């Protein structure tokens, strides 16, 4: 395994950024690349909605100082908005 994706679909929750932070750091320690899916599955199903695509590269620098923030930096949805 060389790459994983994180998808925060199903609604917002206070600890999602801490989970993203932990997953990115754990993956980086094993040499695994991490991509984040924007707004639940919308980033996969409708990447044209986003100026730079539906996936965002996540590394240690991009998740620095997010663990204390509520919600999710990736966005989320609990329904189909297409």
N, C-alpha and C. Protein backbone atom coordinates (compact mmCIF):
# COMPACT_ATOMS: atom_id res chain seq x y z
N UNK A 1 0.86 -1.17 0.00
CA UNK A 1 0.00 0.00 0.00
C UNK A 1 0.90 1.23 0.00
N UNK A 2 0.64 2.13 -0.92
CA UNK A 2 1.44 3.34 -1.06
C UNK A 2 0.65 4.61 -0.80
N UNK A 3 -0.68 4.52 -0.91
CA UNK A 3 -1.51 5.72 -0.80
C UNK A 3 -2.86 5.36 -0.19
N UNK A 4 -3.35 6.25 0.69
CA UNK A 4 -4.68 6.08 1.25
C UNK A 4 -5.44 7.39 1.08
N UNK A 5 -6.76 7.30 1.18
CA UNK A 5 -7.61 8.49 1.13
C UNK A 5 -8.42 8.57 2.41
N UNK A 6 -8.61 9.79 2.88
CA UNK A 6 -9.46 10.04 4.04
C UNK A 6 -10.71 10.74 3.55
N UNK A 7 -11.87 10.19 3.93
CA UNK A 7 -13.16 10.75 3.54
C UNK A 7 -13.96 11.00 4.81
N UNK A 8 -14.38 12.23 5.03
CA UNK A 8 -15.16 12.55 6.23
C UNK A 8 -16.61 12.81 5.84
N UNK A 9 -17.26 11.77 5.37
CA UNK A 9 -18.67 11.87 4.99
C UNK A 9 -19.56 11.46 6.15
N UNK A 10 -20.80 11.91 6.13
CA UNK A 10 -21.76 11.48 7.12
C UNK A 10 -22.10 12.53 8.16
N UNK A 11 -21.66 13.74 7.98
CA UNK A 11 -21.95 14.80 8.95
C UNK A 11 -20.72 15.20 9.72
N UNK A 12 -20.80 16.34 10.35
CA UNK A 12 -19.67 16.91 11.08
C UNK A 12 -19.59 16.34 12.49
N UNK A 13 -18.40 16.24 13.00
CA UNK A 13 -18.17 15.79 14.37
C UNK A 13 -16.97 16.56 14.93
N UNK A 14 -16.97 16.87 16.22
CA UNK A 14 -15.93 17.71 16.79
C UNK A 14 -14.50 17.18 16.67
N UNK A 15 -14.30 15.86 16.64
CA UNK A 15 -12.95 15.32 16.66
C UNK A 15 -12.36 14.92 15.33
N UNK A 16 -13.00 15.24 14.22
CA UNK A 16 -12.52 14.76 12.93
C UNK A 16 -11.14 15.29 12.56
N UNK A 17 -10.86 16.55 12.86
CA UNK A 17 -9.53 17.09 12.54
C UNK A 17 -8.44 16.39 13.33
N UNK A 18 -8.71 16.03 14.57
CA UNK A 18 -7.73 15.29 15.36
C UNK A 18 -7.47 13.91 14.75
N UNK A 19 -8.51 13.28 14.23
CA UNK A 19 -8.37 11.98 13.58
C UNK A 19 -7.56 12.13 12.28
N UNK A 20 -7.86 13.15 11.49
CA UNK A 20 -7.10 13.41 10.26
C UNK A 20 -5.63 13.61 10.60
N UNK A 21 -5.37 14.44 11.60
CA UNK A 21 -4.00 14.72 12.04
C UNK A 21 -3.28 13.43 12.41
N UNK A 22 -3.92 12.60 13.23
CA UNK A 22 -3.31 11.35 13.66
C UNK A 22 -3.08 10.38 12.51
N UNK A 23 -4.05 10.28 11.62
CA UNK A 23 -3.91 9.37 10.48
C UNK A 23 -2.79 9.80 9.54
N UNK A 24 -2.67 11.08 9.30
CA UNK A 24 -1.61 11.59 8.42
C UNK A 24 -0.24 11.32 9.04
N UNK A 25 -0.10 11.58 10.32
CA UNK A 25 1.19 11.34 10.99
C UNK A 25 1.54 9.85 11.02
N UNK A 26 0.56 8.99 11.29
CA UNK A 26 0.81 7.55 11.30
C UNK A 26 1.19 7.05 9.92
N UNK A 27 0.49 7.53 8.90
CA UNK A 27 0.80 7.11 7.53
C UNK A 27 2.18 7.60 7.10
N UNK A 28 2.50 8.85 7.43
CA UNK A 28 3.81 9.40 7.06
C UNK A 28 4.94 8.59 7.69
N UNK A 29 4.74 8.13 8.90
CA UNK A 29 5.77 7.32 9.57
C UNK A 29 6.02 6.00 8.85
N UNK A 30 5.04 5.55 8.08
CA UNK A 30 5.18 4.30 7.32
C UNK A 30 5.44 4.54 5.84
N UNK A 31 5.64 5.81 5.46
CA UNK A 31 5.93 6.13 4.07
C UNK A 31 4.72 6.07 3.15
N UNK A 32 3.53 6.24 3.71
CA UNK A 32 2.30 6.16 2.92
C UNK A 32 1.80 7.57 2.63
N UNK A 33 1.47 7.83 1.38
CA UNK A 33 0.92 9.13 0.95
C UNK A 33 -0.56 9.19 1.32
N UNK A 34 -1.03 10.38 1.72
CA UNK A 34 -2.42 10.55 2.12
C UNK A 34 -3.09 11.61 1.26
N UNK A 35 -4.28 11.30 0.75
CA UNK A 35 -5.12 12.26 0.05
C UNK A 35 -6.40 12.44 0.85
N UNK A 36 -6.90 13.64 0.89
CA UNK A 36 -8.18 13.91 1.53
C UNK A 36 -9.24 14.13 0.47
N UNK A 37 -10.41 13.57 0.68
CA UNK A 37 -11.53 13.72 -0.25
C UNK A 37 -12.37 14.90 0.24
N UNK A 38 -12.60 15.86 -0.62
CA UNK A 38 -13.35 17.05 -0.23
C UNK A 38 -14.85 16.77 -0.13
N UNK A 39 -15.47 17.28 0.91
CA UNK A 39 -16.92 17.26 1.09
C UNK A 39 -17.54 15.88 0.91
N UNK A 40 -17.06 14.92 1.66
CA UNK A 40 -17.59 13.57 1.55
C UNK A 40 -17.26 12.98 0.18
N UNK A 41 -18.23 12.34 -0.43
CA UNK A 41 -17.98 11.72 -1.73
C UNK A 41 -18.03 12.71 -2.90
N UNK A 42 -18.43 13.94 -2.65
CA UNK A 42 -18.51 14.92 -3.75
C UNK A 42 -17.15 15.13 -4.40
N UNK A 43 -16.09 15.09 -3.63
CA UNK A 43 -14.75 15.24 -4.19
C UNK A 43 -14.39 14.16 -5.19
N UNK A 44 -14.96 12.97 -4.99
CA UNK A 44 -14.73 11.86 -5.93
C UNK A 44 -15.70 11.89 -7.10
N UNK A 45 -16.95 12.19 -6.80
CA UNK A 45 -18.00 12.11 -7.82
C UNK A 45 -18.11 13.36 -8.68
N UNK A 46 -17.69 14.51 -8.15
CA UNK A 46 -17.79 15.76 -8.90
C UNK A 46 -16.56 16.64 -8.68
N UNK A 47 -15.39 16.15 -9.06
CA UNK A 47 -14.16 16.93 -8.82
C UNK A 47 -14.13 18.26 -9.57
N UNK A 48 -14.94 18.37 -10.61
CA UNK A 48 -14.97 19.62 -11.38
C UNK A 48 -15.56 20.79 -10.57
N UNK A 49 -16.21 20.50 -9.46
CA UNK A 49 -16.76 21.55 -8.60
C UNK A 49 -15.67 22.34 -7.87
N UNK A 50 -14.47 21.81 -7.86
CA UNK A 50 -13.37 22.39 -7.09
C UNK A 50 -12.28 22.88 -8.03
N UNK A 51 -11.82 24.08 -7.79
CA UNK A 51 -10.82 24.70 -8.67
C UNK A 51 -9.57 23.83 -8.83
N UNK A 52 -9.15 23.17 -7.76
CA UNK A 52 -7.95 22.34 -7.83
C UNK A 52 -8.26 20.85 -7.68
N UNK A 53 -9.49 20.47 -7.98
CA UNK A 53 -9.88 19.06 -7.96
C UNK A 53 -10.50 18.64 -6.65
N UNK A 54 -11.05 17.45 -6.62
CA UNK A 54 -11.77 16.95 -5.46
C UNK A 54 -10.91 16.30 -4.41
N UNK A 55 -9.63 16.10 -4.71
CA UNK A 55 -8.71 15.51 -3.74
C UNK A 55 -7.67 16.55 -3.34
N UNK A 56 -7.24 16.48 -2.10
CA UNK A 56 -6.21 17.37 -1.61
C UNK A 56 -5.11 16.52 -0.96
N UNK A 57 -3.86 16.84 -1.28
CA UNK A 57 -2.72 16.13 -0.69
C UNK A 57 -2.59 16.54 0.77
N UNK A 58 -2.45 15.57 1.64
CA UNK A 58 -2.27 15.84 3.07
C UNK A 58 -0.91 15.32 3.51
N UNK A 59 -0.14 16.18 4.15
CA UNK A 59 1.12 15.77 4.74
C UNK A 59 1.23 16.42 6.12
N UNK A 60 2.31 16.14 6.79
CA UNK A 60 2.46 16.66 8.16
C UNK A 60 2.33 18.18 8.21
N UNK A 61 2.89 18.85 7.24
CA UNK A 61 2.81 20.33 7.25
C UNK A 61 1.37 20.82 7.05
N UNK A 62 0.61 20.15 6.22
CA UNK A 62 -0.75 20.62 5.94
C UNK A 62 -1.73 20.35 7.07
N UNK A 63 -1.39 19.44 7.99
CA UNK A 63 -2.28 19.16 9.11
C UNK A 63 -1.75 19.72 10.44
N UNK A 64 -0.64 20.45 10.36
CA UNK A 64 -0.10 21.07 11.57
C UNK A 64 -1.12 22.05 12.13
N UNK A 65 -1.33 22.02 13.40
CA UNK A 65 -2.22 22.94 14.12
C UNK A 65 -3.70 22.80 13.75
N UNK A 66 -4.15 21.63 13.35
CA UNK A 66 -5.59 21.45 13.09
C UNK A 66 -6.28 20.62 14.16
N UNK A 67 -5.52 19.88 14.97
CA UNK A 67 -6.10 18.93 15.91
C UNK A 67 -7.06 19.60 16.89
N UNK A 68 -6.82 20.84 17.25
CA UNK A 68 -7.67 21.52 18.23
C UNK A 68 -8.90 22.17 17.60
N UNK A 69 -8.95 22.22 16.28
CA UNK A 69 -10.09 22.84 15.59
C UNK A 69 -11.26 21.86 15.52
N UNK A 70 -12.46 22.37 15.67
CA UNK A 70 -13.64 21.52 15.53
C UNK A 70 -13.94 21.24 14.08
N UNK A 71 -14.71 20.22 13.82
CA UNK A 71 -15.13 19.93 12.45
C UNK A 71 -14.06 19.22 11.66
N UNK A 72 -14.02 19.48 10.38
CA UNK A 72 -13.08 18.82 9.48
C UNK A 72 -12.58 19.80 8.42
N UNK A 73 -11.29 19.80 8.18
CA UNK A 73 -10.72 20.68 7.14
C UNK A 73 -11.12 20.21 5.75
N UNK A 74 -11.57 18.98 5.63
CA UNK A 74 -11.94 18.44 4.32
C UNK A 74 -13.36 18.77 3.90
N UNK A 75 -14.19 19.13 4.85
CA UNK A 75 -15.59 19.31 4.56
C UNK A 75 -16.30 17.97 4.63
N UNK A 76 -17.60 17.99 4.73
CA UNK A 76 -18.36 16.76 4.84
C UNK A 76 -19.78 16.97 4.35
N UNK A 77 -20.44 15.90 4.09
CA UNK A 77 -21.86 15.96 3.75
C UNK A 77 -22.50 14.66 4.20
N UNK A 78 -23.76 14.72 4.55
CA UNK A 78 -24.45 13.50 4.93
C UNK A 78 -25.58 13.19 3.97
N UNK A 79 -25.54 13.82 2.81
CA UNK A 79 -26.52 13.51 1.77
C UNK A 79 -25.87 13.79 0.42
N UNK A 80 -26.52 13.31 -0.62
CA UNK A 80 -26.00 13.54 -1.96
C UNK A 80 -26.41 14.94 -2.41
N UNK A 81 -25.43 15.77 -2.72
CA UNK A 81 -25.69 17.14 -3.15
C UNK A 81 -25.37 17.36 -4.62
N UNK A 82 -25.27 16.31 -5.39
CA UNK A 82 -24.86 16.44 -6.79
C UNK A 82 -25.96 16.98 -7.62
